[in-house]
Structures are given as structure tokens and as C-alpha cells.
Amino acid sequence: MLRTPVDGTRLRILTWLREPGTAETGLTADDVATRLRVPRPVALTHLRLLTALGMLRTDHSAGPPAYRCDEARIAEVAEVFEQGW
């Protein structure tokens, strides 16, 4: 969980996914790659790690998977750190 890049890439992804509008629709790997200005495989690496940690969930119902924040899991992680992990 603590393997985060120094530049805060995964934190930026989580921040984008919490923006109004995006929180409801989510982002695809292509959306994230475009916003980060990186190749799609790099974006997927970040998204897969966040998903494996339970921070994101995916919706496969309409086209390519859309990634959304799992607010309950994020709250759990925040609580652990607030308690002095």
C-alpha cells in the first residue's frame, strides 16, 4: 500500500476520481493516460495497484472498464493512518 511514487501520481488519480462528475462516471485507463500524459500501460499499472489495494472498483457494464473510488475503503485506510498506524 505504501509503494507510492514520489511525484504523487496515485494520489492525483484518486483526487481526479473524487471530482464532481468524474466521481459518478469514473475514468477509463485511456482517460488516466491522457491526463497523466503517459502510455496506457503505465496508467494501467497505477490503476491496477489502486484496485488491488481496494481503493478503486471497476465497472464493466458499458464499454471499457471505468474506475471509481471505493470511498468506504479509503475511509478505512485514512482511519488507520489517523490512529498512528
C-alpha atoms as a PDB file:
ATOM      1  CA  MET A   1       0.000   0.000   0.000  1.00  0.00           C
ATOM      2  CA  LEU A   2       2.839   2.359   0.735  1.00  0.00           C
ATOM      3  CA  ARG A   3       4.576   1.876  -2.617  1.00  0.00           C
ATOM      4  CA  THR A   4       3.643   5.279  -3.985  1.00  0.00           C
ATOM      5  CA  PRO A   5       5.654   7.281  -6.472  1.00  0.00           C
ATOM      6  CA  VAL A   6       7.444  10.317  -5.150  1.00  0.00           C
ATOM      7  CA  ASP A   7       5.551  12.536  -7.582  1.00  0.00           C
ATOM      8  CA  GLY A   8       2.171  11.576  -6.107  1.00  0.00           C
ATOM      9  CA  THR A   9       0.751  10.042  -9.280  1.00  0.00           C
ATOM     10  CA  ARG A  10      -1.629   7.698  -7.475  1.00  0.00           C
ATOM     11  CA  LEU A  11      -2.799  10.464  -5.181  1.00  0.00           C
ATOM     12  CA  ARG A  12      -3.558  12.603  -8.254  1.00  0.00           C
ATOM     13  CA  ILE A  13      -5.587   9.738  -9.748  1.00  0.00           C
ATOM     14  CA  LEU A  14      -7.593   9.402  -6.528  1.00  0.00           C
ATOM     15  CA  THR A  15      -8.137  13.168  -6.469  1.00  0.00           C
ATOM     16  CA  TRP A  16      -9.404  13.185 -10.072  1.00  0.00           C
ATOM     17  CA  LEU A  17     -11.743  10.313  -9.329  1.00  0.00           C
ATOM     18  CA  ARG A  18     -13.305  12.300  -6.492  1.00  0.00           C
ATOM     19  CA  GLU A  19     -14.059  15.371  -8.622  1.00  0.00           C
ATOM     20  CA  PRO A  20     -17.748  16.173  -9.228  1.00  0.00           C
ATOM     21  CA  GLY A  21     -18.961  14.414 -12.361  1.00  0.00           C
ATOM     22  CA  THR A  22     -15.975  12.096 -12.509  1.00  0.00           C
ATOM     23  CA  ALA A  23     -16.924  10.528  -9.182  1.00  0.00           C
ATOM     24  CA  GLU A  24     -20.173   9.364 -10.750  1.00  0.00           C
ATOM     25  CA  THR A  25     -18.888   8.284 -14.168  1.00  0.00           C
ATOM     26  CA  GLY A  26     -15.359   7.173 -13.306  1.00  0.00           C
ATOM     27  CA  LEU A  27     -12.325   7.235 -15.577  1.00  0.00           C
ATOM     28  CA  THR A  28     -11.026   4.683 -18.044  1.00  0.00           C
ATOM     29  CA  ALA A  29      -7.366   3.742 -18.364  1.00  0.00           C
ATOM     30  CA  ASP A  30      -7.261   5.853 -21.536  1.00  0.00           C
ATOM     31  CA  ASP A  31      -8.647   8.856 -19.625  1.00  0.00           C
ATOM     32  CA  VAL A  32      -5.989   8.500 -16.951  1.00  0.00           C
ATOM     33  CA  ALA A  33      -3.212   8.014 -19.517  1.00  0.00           C
ATOM     34  CA  THR A  34      -4.294  11.183 -21.311  1.00  0.00           C
ATOM     35  CA  ARG A  35      -4.450  13.216 -18.107  1.00  0.00           C
ATOM     36  CA  LEU A  36      -1.076  11.927 -16.917  1.00  0.00           C
ATOM     37  CA  ARG A  37       0.435  12.183 -20.402  1.00  0.00           C
ATOM     38  CA  VAL A  38       1.823   8.671 -20.123  1.00  0.00           C
ATOM     39  CA  PRO A  39       1.348   5.488 -22.162  1.00  0.00           C
ATOM     40  CA  ARG A  40      -1.766   3.469 -21.359  1.00  0.00           C
ATOM     41  CA  PRO A  41       0.230   0.569 -19.797  1.00  0.00           C
ATOM     42  CA  VAL A  42       1.730   2.987 -17.261  1.00  0.00           C
ATOM     43  CA  ALA A  43      -1.744   4.278 -16.352  1.00  0.00           C
ATOM     44  CA  LEU A  44      -2.994   0.697 -16.048  1.00  0.00           C
ATOM     45  CA  THR A  45      -0.170  -0.160 -13.644  1.00  0.00           C
ATOM     46  CA  HIS A  46      -1.283   2.608 -11.296  1.00  0.00           C
ATOM     47  CA  LEU A  47      -4.968   1.730 -11.648  1.00  0.00           C
ATOM     48  CA  ARG A  48      -4.370  -1.970 -11.058  1.00  0.00           C
ATOM     49  CA  LEU A  49      -2.364  -1.332  -7.906  1.00  0.00           C
ATOM     50  CA  LEU A  50      -5.035   1.003  -6.533  1.00  0.00           C
ATOM     51  CA  THR A  51      -7.673  -1.599  -7.407  1.00  0.00           C
ATOM     52  CA  ALA A  52      -5.685  -4.405  -5.757  1.00  0.00           C
ATOM     53  CA  LEU A  53      -5.456  -2.274  -2.611  1.00  0.00           C
ATOM     54  CA  GLY A  54      -9.215  -1.886  -2.664  1.00  0.00           C
ATOM     55  CA  MET A  55      -9.048   1.876  -3.217  1.00  0.00           C
ATOM     56  CA  LEU A  56     -10.750   1.620  -6.600  1.00  0.00           C
ATOM     57  CA  ARG A  57     -13.511  -0.514  -8.008  1.00  0.00           C
ATOM     58  CA  THR A  58     -14.269  -1.128 -11.653  1.00  0.00           C
ATOM     59  CA  ASP A  59     -17.478  -1.041 -13.623  1.00  0.00           C
ATOM     60  CA  HIS A  60     -17.504  -3.197 -16.761  1.00  0.00           C
ATOM     61  CA  SER A  61     -21.131  -2.584 -17.688  1.00  0.00           C
ATOM     62  CA  ALA A  62     -20.683  -0.084 -20.531  1.00  0.00           C
ATOM     63  CA  GLY A  63     -17.631  -0.421 -22.743  1.00  0.00           C
ATOM     64  CA  PRO A  64     -14.119  -0.257 -21.316  1.00  0.00           C
ATOM     65  CA  PRO A  65     -13.790  -0.585 -17.543  1.00  0.00           C
ATOM     66  CA  ALA A  66     -14.438   2.628 -15.651  1.00  0.00           C
ATOM     67  CA  TYR A  67     -12.543   3.082 -12.397  1.00  0.00           C
ATOM     68  CA  ARG A  68     -14.194   4.737  -9.387  1.00  0.00           C
ATOM     69  CA  CYS A  69     -13.048   5.364  -5.816  1.00  0.00           C
ATOM     70  CA  ASP A  70     -14.196   2.966  -3.133  1.00  0.00           C
ATOM     71  CA  GLU A  71     -14.935   5.632  -0.532  1.00  0.00           C
ATOM     72  CA  ALA A  72     -15.504   3.108   2.264  1.00  0.00           C
ATOM     73  CA  ARG A  73     -12.047   1.567   1.767  1.00  0.00           C
ATOM     74  CA  ILE A  74     -10.382   4.978   1.501  1.00  0.00           C
ATOM     75  CA  ALA A  75     -12.019   5.976   4.803  1.00  0.00           C
ATOM     76  CA  GLU A  76     -10.709   2.767   6.426  1.00  0.00           C
ATOM     77  CA  VAL A  77      -7.157   3.474   5.257  1.00  0.00           C
ATOM     78  CA  ALA A  78      -7.362   7.104   6.403  1.00  0.00           C
ATOM     79  CA  GLU A  79      -8.531   5.954   9.832  1.00  0.00           C
ATOM     80  CA  VAL A  80      -5.587   3.573  10.168  1.00  0.00           C
ATOM     81  CA  PHE A  81      -3.153   6.414   9.474  1.00  0.00           C
ATOM     82  CA  GLU A  82      -5.000   8.805  11.797  1.00  0.00           C
ATOM     83  CA  GLN A  83      -4.657   6.275  14.619  1.00  0.00           C
ATOM     84  CA  GLY A  84      -0.907   6.369  14.221  1.00  0.00           C
ATOM     85  CA  TRP A  85      -0.519   3.149  12.261  1.00  0.00           C
END
